[in-house]
Amino acid sequence: MKNVEPEKQDLIIGRNAVAEALQSGREIDTVFLLRGEKNPALTRLAAICRDKGGVVKEVDRKKLDAMCAGGNHQGVAAFVAAHTYSTVEDILNFAREKGEPPFVVVCDELEDPHNLGAVIRTAEAAGVHGVIIPKRRSASLNYTVAKTSAGALEYMRVARVANLPAALEELKANGCWVYGADMDGTDYKQTDFSGGVALVIGSEGKGLGRLVREKCDFIVSLPMKGKINSLNASVAAGILMYEAASKRNLQD
């Protein structure tokens, strides 16, 4: 039997299949519509997806055909989330229930699902209360993320937000200091991670976005002593999460 790629296991194609998934309450991650398609049925599907917090993208026929591997997509396909999304408030409430200052990891346009899965796995082990990702230009909770997280996704609250800077402001209003990870910041070993922590990890190629960086209270860096001037995003995130966790443990 031919193996099915994990990325394809969460793909639904065709109007009826996508409509049933939306109506059944399944968590729809992204709906892909054929660009220029004016069919009212597809317009309704897009509206339902947006109402449920999903993302709608228009793509050309060549891309949609390739995604569906030649299947009869009828102008629409959808990725189903591998796990239900939480909200920022859910994450903050979880921290309150545990009687702990919030400990949140924010991924700024982390696009590699393997990186996001690895971040979620380490976050769960380090005692993070939740992870926040943006709706656009980010890996989502697909099956590759779930597999890479090695089960941690079942226990980690992941919120997907339309506006990352606004989410950072919400975290600040609830007692978090925002720490952005970038190359030109303070040595992480010299950083005080006491109190509420929102640790922001930038994208693989560009690092922190300008608007997100402006919301950071501190910029922290990992010293680089070799020839390479940067680390994989999930590796850097893991080091910083455990540093913050160790400082939080000292306060207990």
Protein backbone atom coordinates (compact mmCIF):
# COMPACT_ATOMS: atom_id res chain seq x y z
CA MET A 1 0.00 0.00 0.00
CA LYS A 2 1.33 3.40 -0.95
CA ASN A 3 2.17 5.66 1.99
CA VAL A 4 0.16 8.86 2.29
CA GLU A 5 2.18 11.95 3.02
CA PRO A 6 1.20 13.45 6.41
CA GLU A 7 0.61 16.84 4.78
CA LYS A 8 -2.18 15.31 2.63
CA GLN A 9 -4.03 13.48 5.39
CA ASP A 10 -5.89 16.62 6.45
CA LEU A 11 -6.97 17.69 2.94
CA ILE A 12 -10.66 17.60 1.96
CA ILE A 13 -11.62 18.21 -1.67
CA GLY A 14 -14.90 18.97 -3.40
CA ARG A 15 -17.87 21.19 -2.58
CA ASN A 16 -19.98 18.65 -0.71
CA ALA A 17 -17.07 17.32 1.35
CA VAL A 18 -15.95 20.80 2.39
CA ALA A 19 -19.54 21.89 3.14
CA GLU A 20 -20.12 18.81 5.33
CA ALA A 21 -16.87 19.41 7.22
CA LEU A 22 -17.84 23.01 7.92
CA GLN A 23 -21.37 22.13 8.98
CA SER A 24 -20.23 19.29 11.23
CA GLY A 25 -18.21 21.66 13.37
CA ARG A 26 -14.80 20.29 12.41
CA GLU A 27 -12.00 22.82 12.87
CA ILE A 28 -11.24 24.09 9.36
CA ASP A 29 -7.80 25.59 9.06
CA THR A 30 -7.78 26.99 5.51
CA VAL A 31 -10.16 26.90 2.55
CA PHE A 32 -8.60 27.18 -0.92
CA LEU A 33 -10.84 28.58 -3.66
CA LEU A 34 -10.18 28.61 -7.38
CA ARG A 35 -9.24 32.19 -8.25
CA GLY A 36 -11.96 33.98 -10.22
CA GLU A 37 -14.64 31.38 -9.41
CA LYS A 38 -18.05 33.11 -9.05
CA ASN A 39 -20.19 30.12 -8.07
CA PRO A 40 -22.54 31.17 -5.21
CA ALA A 41 -22.02 27.84 -3.44
CA LEU A 42 -18.28 28.51 -3.16
CA THR A 43 -18.91 32.05 -1.97
CA ARG A 44 -21.10 30.65 0.83
CA LEU A 45 -18.42 28.15 1.82
CA ALA A 46 -15.84 30.93 2.05
CA ALA A 47 -18.18 33.04 4.22
CA ILE A 48 -18.85 30.12 6.58
CA CYS A 49 -15.11 29.44 6.89
CA ARG A 50 -14.37 33.08 7.76
CA ASP A 51 -17.21 33.15 10.30
CA LYS A 52 -15.65 30.15 12.03
CA GLY A 53 -12.25 31.84 12.21
CA GLY A 54 -10.66 30.01 9.30
CA VAL A 55 -8.50 31.43 6.52
CA VAL A 56 -9.66 31.68 2.91
CA LYS A 57 -7.10 31.79 0.10
CA GLU A 58 -7.66 32.12 -3.64
CA VAL A 59 -5.27 30.04 -5.76
CA ASP A 60 -4.88 29.37 -9.46
CA ARG A 61 -6.04 26.14 -11.07
CA LYS A 62 -2.52 24.73 -11.44
CA LYS A 63 -1.86 24.97 -7.71
CA LEU A 64 -5.27 23.61 -6.74
CA ASP A 65 -4.89 20.68 -9.16
CA ALA A 66 -1.45 19.91 -7.70
CA MET A 67 -2.73 20.09 -4.11
CA CYS A 68 -5.54 17.67 -4.91
CA ALA A 69 -3.31 15.30 -6.93
CA GLY A 70 -5.71 15.28 -9.86
CA GLY A 71 -8.84 14.75 -7.76
CA ASN A 72 -12.17 16.38 -8.71
CA HIS A 73 -11.95 19.40 -6.42
CA GLN A 74 -14.79 21.38 -8.08
CA GLY A 75 -12.94 24.61 -7.34
CA VAL A 76 -12.50 24.12 -3.59
CA ALA A 77 -10.33 22.26 -1.10
CA ALA A 78 -9.78 22.64 2.63
CA PHE A 79 -7.24 21.72 5.24
CA VAL A 80 -8.70 20.48 8.51
CA ALA A 81 -6.81 21.44 11.66
CA ALA A 82 -5.21 18.54 13.52
CA HIS A 83 -6.36 20.08 16.80
CA THR A 84 -8.86 22.68 17.97
CA TYR A 85 -7.50 26.20 18.34
CA SER A 86 -7.72 28.00 21.66
CA THR A 87 -7.92 31.75 22.32
CA VAL A 88 -5.50 34.09 24.04
CA GLU A 89 -8.01 34.32 26.88
CA ASP A 90 -8.00 30.52 27.19
CA ILE A 91 -4.22 30.62 27.65
CA LEU A 92 -4.40 33.40 30.24
CA ASN A 93 -7.18 31.61 32.13
CA PHE A 94 -5.10 28.42 32.23
CA ALA A 95 -2.23 30.35 33.83
CA ARG A 96 -4.65 31.84 36.39
CA GLU A 97 -6.04 28.39 37.21
CA LYS A 98 -2.52 27.18 37.94
CA GLY A 99 -1.80 30.26 40.06
CA GLU A 100 1.20 31.16 37.89
CA PRO A 101 2.25 34.29 36.00
CA PRO A 102 1.60 33.73 32.28
CA PHE A 103 4.28 31.96 30.28
CA VAL A 104 3.51 32.26 26.56
CA VAL A 105 5.47 31.61 23.38
CA VAL A 106 4.58 33.74 20.35
CA CYS A 107 5.67 32.59 16.88
CA ASP A 108 6.02 35.50 14.47
CA GLU A 109 5.42 33.98 11.01
CA LEU A 110 7.13 30.66 11.69
CA GLU A 111 6.35 28.94 8.41
CA ASP A 112 8.03 25.53 8.70
CA PRO A 113 5.54 23.07 10.28
CA HIS A 114 8.45 20.99 11.63
CA ASN A 115 9.73 24.05 13.50
CA LEU A 116 6.28 24.84 14.89
CA GLY A 117 5.79 21.24 15.99
CA ALA A 118 9.19 21.25 17.70
CA VAL A 119 8.38 24.53 19.47
CA ILE A 120 5.08 23.10 20.74
CA ARG A 121 6.82 19.95 21.96
CA THR A 122 9.44 21.91 23.91
CA ALA A 123 6.85 24.39 25.19
CA GLU A 124 4.80 21.60 26.72
CA ALA A 125 7.88 20.15 28.42
CA ALA A 126 9.03 23.54 29.72
CA GLY A 127 5.74 24.47 31.38
CA VAL A 128 4.55 27.04 28.84
CA HIS A 129 0.84 27.85 29.20
CA GLY A 130 0.20 28.42 25.50
CA VAL A 131 1.52 29.24 22.05
CA ILE A 132 0.24 32.03 19.80
CA ILE A 133 0.55 32.05 16.01
CA PRO A 134 -0.74 34.50 13.36
CA LYS A 135 -3.43 33.55 10.86
CA ARG A 136 -1.37 34.65 7.87
CA ARG A 137 2.12 33.61 6.77
CA SER A 138 2.45 30.93 9.41
CA ALA A 139 2.44 27.18 9.69
CA SER A 140 -0.90 26.02 11.06
CA LEU A 141 -2.00 23.02 13.10
CA ASN A 142 -1.70 20.46 10.34
CA TYR A 143 -0.73 16.82 10.70
CA THR A 144 2.97 17.51 10.18
CA VAL A 145 2.89 19.84 13.19
CA ALA A 146 0.98 17.26 15.20
CA LYS A 147 3.42 14.49 14.30
CA THR A 148 6.51 16.62 15.01
CA SER A 149 5.10 17.65 18.38
CA ALA A 150 5.16 13.95 19.37
CA GLY A 151 1.81 14.20 21.16
CA ALA A 152 2.42 17.56 22.85
CA LEU A 153 -0.22 19.24 20.67
CA GLU A 154 -2.89 17.33 22.60
CA TYR A 155 -1.89 19.19 25.78
CA MET A 156 -0.76 22.59 24.51
CA ARG A 157 -3.16 25.48 23.97
CA VAL A 158 -2.47 27.14 20.61
CA ALA A 159 -4.25 30.38 19.72
CA ARG A 160 -4.38 31.74 16.18
CA VAL A 161 -4.85 35.50 15.93
CA ALA A 162 -5.48 37.96 13.12
CA ASN A 163 -3.27 40.68 14.61
CA LEU A 164 -0.10 39.66 16.42
CA PRO A 165 0.84 43.15 17.75
CA ALA A 166 -2.66 43.47 19.24
CA ALA A 167 -2.25 40.06 20.89
CA LEU A 168 1.04 41.24 22.42
CA GLU A 169 -0.75 44.28 23.83
CA GLU A 170 -3.35 41.95 25.36
CA LEU A 171 -0.58 39.91 26.97
CA LYS A 172 1.03 43.08 28.34
CA ALA A 173 -2.29 44.16 29.81
CA ASN A 174 -2.39 40.82 31.62
CA GLY A 175 1.00 41.09 33.28
CA CYS A 176 3.43 39.85 30.62
CA TRP A 177 6.75 41.33 29.66
CA VAL A 178 7.45 40.76 25.96
CA TYR A 179 10.88 39.35 25.08
CA GLY A 180 11.80 39.23 21.39
CA ALA A 181 14.53 36.87 20.24
CA ASP A 182 16.93 38.52 17.78
CA MET A 183 20.63 38.77 17.05
CA ASP A 184 21.31 42.29 18.34
CA GLY A 185 19.84 42.03 21.84
CA THR A 186 21.02 41.49 25.40
CA ASP A 187 22.69 38.17 26.26
CA TYR A 188 19.86 35.89 27.38
CA LYS A 189 21.87 34.85 30.46
CA GLN A 190 21.79 38.45 31.63
CA THR A 191 18.04 38.79 31.19
CA ASP A 192 15.57 38.83 34.07
CA PHE A 193 12.66 36.60 33.05
CA SER A 194 10.74 37.10 36.29
CA GLY A 195 6.98 37.69 36.21
CA GLY A 196 4.79 37.06 33.19
CA VAL A 197 6.73 36.11 30.07
CA ALA A 198 5.77 36.36 26.40
CA LEU A 199 8.68 35.02 24.38
CA VAL A 200 8.54 36.00 20.69
CA ILE A 201 10.34 33.84 18.12
CA GLY A 202 10.80 35.32 14.65
CA SER A 203 10.45 33.66 11.26
CA GLU A 204 13.12 31.40 9.82
CA GLY A 205 14.32 33.90 7.24
CA LYS A 206 13.39 37.40 8.36
CA GLY A 207 13.39 37.21 12.14
CA LEU A 208 11.04 39.56 13.97
CA GLY A 209 8.69 41.71 11.94
CA ARG A 210 8.96 45.47 12.47
CA LEU A 211 5.57 45.96 14.15
CA VAL A 212 6.09 42.94 16.39
CA ARG A 213 9.59 44.09 17.34
CA GLU A 214 8.22 47.50 18.32
CA LYS A 215 5.91 45.81 20.84
CA CYS A 216 8.80 43.99 22.56
CA ASP A 217 9.94 45.29 25.94
CA PHE A 218 13.29 43.51 25.62
CA ILE A 219 15.35 41.98 22.81
CA VAL A 220 17.38 38.94 23.87
CA SER A 221 20.12 37.10 22.01
CA LEU A 222 22.03 33.85 22.14
CA PRO A 223 25.84 34.35 21.94
CA MET A 224 27.24 32.88 18.72
CA LYS A 225 30.87 31.76 19.03
CA GLY A 226 31.21 29.71 15.86
CA LYS A 227 31.19 30.52 12.15
CA ILE A 228 27.39 30.31 11.91
CA ASN A 229 25.57 33.47 12.98
CA SER A 230 22.12 32.04 13.69
CA LEU A 231 20.35 28.95 15.03
CA ASN A 232 17.32 27.04 13.83
CA ALA A 233 14.24 28.85 15.17
CA SER A 234 12.98 25.91 17.22
CA VAL A 235 16.43 25.29 18.73
CA ALA A 236 16.76 28.94 19.77
CA ALA A 237 13.22 28.86 21.14
CA GLY A 238 14.00 25.76 23.22
CA ILE A 239 17.09 27.31 24.81
CA LEU A 240 15.22 30.50 25.69
CA MET A 241 12.15 28.66 27.00
CA TYR A 242 14.24 26.64 29.42
CA GLU A 243 16.20 29.70 30.53
CA ALA A 244 12.93 31.51 31.28
CA ALA A 245 11.57 28.39 33.01
CA SER A 246 14.65 28.14 35.24
CA LYS A 247 14.32 31.78 36.29
CA ARG A 248 10.61 31.27 37.02
CA ASN A 249 11.42 28.20 39.16
CA LEU A 250 13.74 30.30 41.30
CA GLN A 251 10.77 32.49 42.21
CA ASP A 252 8.69 29.53 43.49
